[in-house]
């Protein structure tokens, strides 16, 4: 049985995330890195639980304005 690579996510502050990821979250505005990381991880876990591949595809790049 082939092993699959774990899903990866990225978060950044103001510019697009670099590197190959399945999901990315970009924060615009003032937010602490610790809060941004916790929020991005929560969003990623919710994204992984979406039932439809199509809904994951449409929500894979998220922008948060604060």
N, C-alpha and C. Protein backbone atom coordinates (compact mmCIF):
# COMPACT_ATOMS: atom_id res chain seq x y z
N UNK A 1 0.84 -1.17 0.00
CA UNK A 1 0.00 0.00 0.00
C UNK A 1 0.89 1.24 0.00
N UNK A 2 0.75 2.12 -1.00
CA UNK A 2 1.61 3.30 -1.08
C UNK A 2 1.28 4.29 0.03
N UNK A 3 2.30 4.93 0.55
CA UNK A 3 2.10 5.94 1.58
C UNK A 3 1.87 7.28 0.91
N UNK A 4 0.92 8.03 1.41
CA UNK A 4 0.66 9.35 0.86
C UNK A 4 1.31 10.40 1.75
N UNK A 5 1.73 11.47 1.14
CA UNK A 5 2.35 12.56 1.89
C UNK A 5 1.28 13.29 2.69
N UNK A 6 1.63 13.77 3.87
CA UNK A 6 0.64 14.51 4.66
C UNK A 6 0.28 15.82 3.97
N UNK A 7 -0.95 16.27 4.20
CA UNK A 7 -1.37 17.54 3.63
C UNK A 7 -0.59 18.67 4.29
N UNK A 8 -0.31 19.72 3.52
CA UNK A 8 0.46 20.83 4.04
C UNK A 8 -0.31 22.13 3.86
N UNK A 9 -0.11 23.06 4.78
CA UNK A 9 -0.69 24.37 4.63
C UNK A 9 0.36 25.42 4.91
N UNK A 10 0.09 26.64 4.47
CA UNK A 10 1.01 27.75 4.70
C UNK A 10 0.21 28.98 5.09
N UNK A 11 0.83 29.85 5.87
CA UNK A 11 0.21 31.13 6.14
C UNK A 11 1.26 32.22 6.02
N UNK A 12 0.82 33.40 5.64
CA UNK A 12 1.74 34.50 5.45
C UNK A 12 1.06 35.81 5.81
N UNK A 13 1.85 36.86 5.90
CA UNK A 13 1.31 38.16 6.24
C UNK A 13 1.48 39.14 5.08
N UNK A 14 0.49 39.20 4.23
CA UNK A 14 0.45 40.20 3.18
C UNK A 14 0.81 39.74 1.78
N UNK A 15 1.61 38.69 1.62
CA UNK A 15 1.94 38.23 0.29
C UNK A 15 1.65 36.73 0.21
N UNK A 16 1.55 36.25 -0.98
CA UNK A 16 1.19 34.84 -1.17
C UNK A 16 2.23 33.92 -0.55
N UNK A 17 1.77 32.81 -0.02
CA UNK A 17 2.67 31.82 0.59
C UNK A 17 3.51 31.15 -0.48
N UNK A 18 4.73 30.84 -0.13
CA UNK A 18 5.65 30.18 -1.07
C UNK A 18 5.62 28.66 -0.87
N UNK A 19 5.99 27.98 -1.92
CA UNK A 19 6.15 26.53 -1.82
C UNK A 19 4.88 25.77 -2.13
N UNK A 20 5.04 24.47 -2.35
CA UNK A 20 3.88 23.63 -2.67
C UNK A 20 3.06 23.31 -1.43
N UNK A 21 1.83 23.75 -1.40
CA UNK A 21 0.92 23.46 -0.30
C UNK A 21 -0.45 23.13 -0.85
N UNK A 22 -1.23 22.43 -0.07
CA UNK A 22 -2.60 22.13 -0.48
C UNK A 22 -3.55 23.27 -0.14
N UNK A 23 -3.19 24.08 0.86
CA UNK A 23 -4.04 25.18 1.29
C UNK A 23 -3.16 26.30 1.80
N UNK A 24 -3.59 27.55 1.57
CA UNK A 24 -2.83 28.68 2.10
C UNK A 24 -3.78 29.72 2.69
N UNK A 25 -3.31 30.41 3.71
CA UNK A 25 -4.06 31.48 4.36
C UNK A 25 -3.16 32.71 4.37
N UNK A 26 -3.65 33.83 3.84
CA UNK A 26 -2.91 35.08 3.83
C UNK A 26 -3.63 36.09 4.71
N UNK A 27 -2.89 36.72 5.61
CA UNK A 27 -3.46 37.70 6.55
C UNK A 27 -3.09 39.10 6.10
N UNK A 28 -4.09 39.96 6.00
CA UNK A 28 -3.89 41.36 5.67
C UNK A 28 -4.32 42.19 6.87
N UNK A 29 -3.45 43.00 7.39
CA UNK A 29 -3.76 43.79 8.58
C UNK A 29 -2.84 43.41 9.72
N UNK A 30 -3.18 43.89 10.89
CA UNK A 30 -2.34 43.63 12.07
C UNK A 30 -2.85 42.41 12.82
N UNK A 31 -2.00 41.41 12.95
CA UNK A 31 -2.32 40.22 13.72
C UNK A 31 -1.00 39.62 14.19
N UNK A 32 -0.97 39.15 15.42
CA UNK A 32 0.27 38.57 15.93
C UNK A 32 0.54 37.24 15.24
N UNK A 33 1.79 36.90 15.12
CA UNK A 33 2.16 35.66 14.44
C UNK A 33 1.59 34.44 15.17
N UNK A 34 1.60 34.47 16.50
CA UNK A 34 1.08 33.35 17.29
C UNK A 34 -0.41 33.14 17.01
N UNK A 35 -1.18 34.24 16.98
CA UNK A 35 -2.62 34.13 16.69
C UNK A 35 -2.86 33.71 15.25
N UNK A 36 -2.05 34.21 14.34
CA UNK A 36 -2.19 33.85 12.93
C UNK A 36 -1.93 32.36 12.72
N UNK A 37 -0.90 31.85 13.38
CA UNK A 37 -0.57 30.43 13.23
C UNK A 37 -1.69 29.55 13.80
N UNK A 38 -2.23 29.93 14.96
CA UNK A 38 -3.32 29.15 15.55
C UNK A 38 -4.57 29.21 14.68
N UNK A 39 -4.88 30.38 14.15
CA UNK A 39 -6.05 30.53 13.29
C UNK A 39 -5.87 29.75 11.99
N UNK A 40 -4.68 29.82 11.41
CA UNK A 40 -4.41 29.09 10.15
C UNK A 40 -4.53 27.58 10.37
N UNK A 41 -4.02 27.10 11.50
CA UNK A 41 -4.12 25.66 11.79
C UNK A 41 -5.58 25.25 11.95
N UNK A 42 -6.39 26.08 12.65
CA UNK A 42 -7.82 25.79 12.81
C UNK A 42 -8.52 25.77 11.46
N UNK A 43 -8.23 26.77 10.62
CA UNK A 43 -8.84 26.83 9.29
C UNK A 43 -8.44 25.61 8.45
N UNK A 44 -7.17 25.18 8.56
CA UNK A 44 -6.69 24.02 7.82
C UNK A 44 -7.41 22.75 8.27
N UNK A 45 -7.58 22.58 9.57
CA UNK A 45 -8.28 21.39 10.08
C UNK A 45 -9.73 21.37 9.62
N UNK A 46 -10.39 22.54 9.61
CA UNK A 46 -11.76 22.61 9.09
C UNK A 46 -11.78 22.29 7.60
N UNK A 47 -10.81 22.81 6.87
CA UNK A 47 -10.73 22.60 5.43
C UNK A 47 -10.54 21.11 5.12
N UNK A 48 -9.72 20.43 5.92
CA UNK A 48 -9.49 18.99 5.70
C UNK A 48 -10.76 18.17 5.89
N UNK A 49 -11.66 18.65 6.74
CA UNK A 49 -12.89 17.90 7.03
C UNK A 49 -14.02 18.21 6.04
N UNK A 50 -13.81 19.11 5.09
CA UNK A 50 -14.86 19.39 4.11
C UNK A 50 -15.14 18.11 3.32
N UNK A 51 -16.42 17.78 3.12
CA UNK A 51 -16.75 16.51 2.51
C UNK A 51 -16.49 16.43 1.01
N UNK A 52 -16.48 17.54 0.35
CA UNK A 52 -16.38 17.53 -1.11
C UNK A 52 -15.02 18.04 -1.59
N UNK A 53 -14.47 17.31 -2.56
CA UNK A 53 -13.21 17.74 -3.17
C UNK A 53 -13.39 19.11 -3.83
N UNK A 54 -14.54 19.34 -4.41
CA UNK A 54 -14.79 20.62 -5.07
C UNK A 54 -14.82 21.77 -4.07
N UNK A 55 -15.44 21.57 -2.93
CA UNK A 55 -15.47 22.64 -1.92
C UNK A 55 -14.07 22.91 -1.37
N UNK A 56 -13.25 21.88 -1.24
CA UNK A 56 -11.86 22.10 -0.81
C UNK A 56 -11.09 22.87 -1.88
N UNK A 57 -11.35 22.54 -3.13
CA UNK A 57 -10.65 23.24 -4.21
C UNK A 57 -10.98 24.73 -4.22
N UNK A 58 -12.26 25.06 -4.03
CA UNK A 58 -12.68 26.46 -4.08
C UNK A 58 -12.24 27.25 -2.85
N UNK A 59 -11.94 26.58 -1.75
CA UNK A 59 -11.56 27.30 -0.53
C UNK A 59 -10.11 27.08 -0.14
N UNK A 60 -9.27 26.63 -1.07
CA UNK A 60 -7.90 26.31 -0.72
C UNK A 60 -7.01 27.53 -0.51
N UNK A 61 -7.35 28.68 -1.08
CA UNK A 61 -6.60 29.91 -0.89
C UNK A 61 -7.49 30.91 -0.17
N UNK A 62 -7.21 31.14 1.10
CA UNK A 62 -8.05 32.03 1.90
C UNK A 62 -7.29 33.30 2.25
N UNK A 63 -8.01 34.42 2.27
CA UNK A 63 -7.45 35.71 2.67
C UNK A 63 -8.26 36.22 3.85
N UNK A 64 -7.55 36.61 4.91
CA UNK A 64 -8.20 37.11 6.13
C UNK A 64 -7.84 38.58 6.28
N UNK A 65 -8.85 39.44 6.33
CA UNK A 65 -8.64 40.87 6.50
C UNK A 65 -8.99 41.23 7.94
N UNK A 66 -8.04 41.82 8.64
CA UNK A 66 -8.30 42.20 10.03
C UNK A 66 -8.09 43.68 10.24
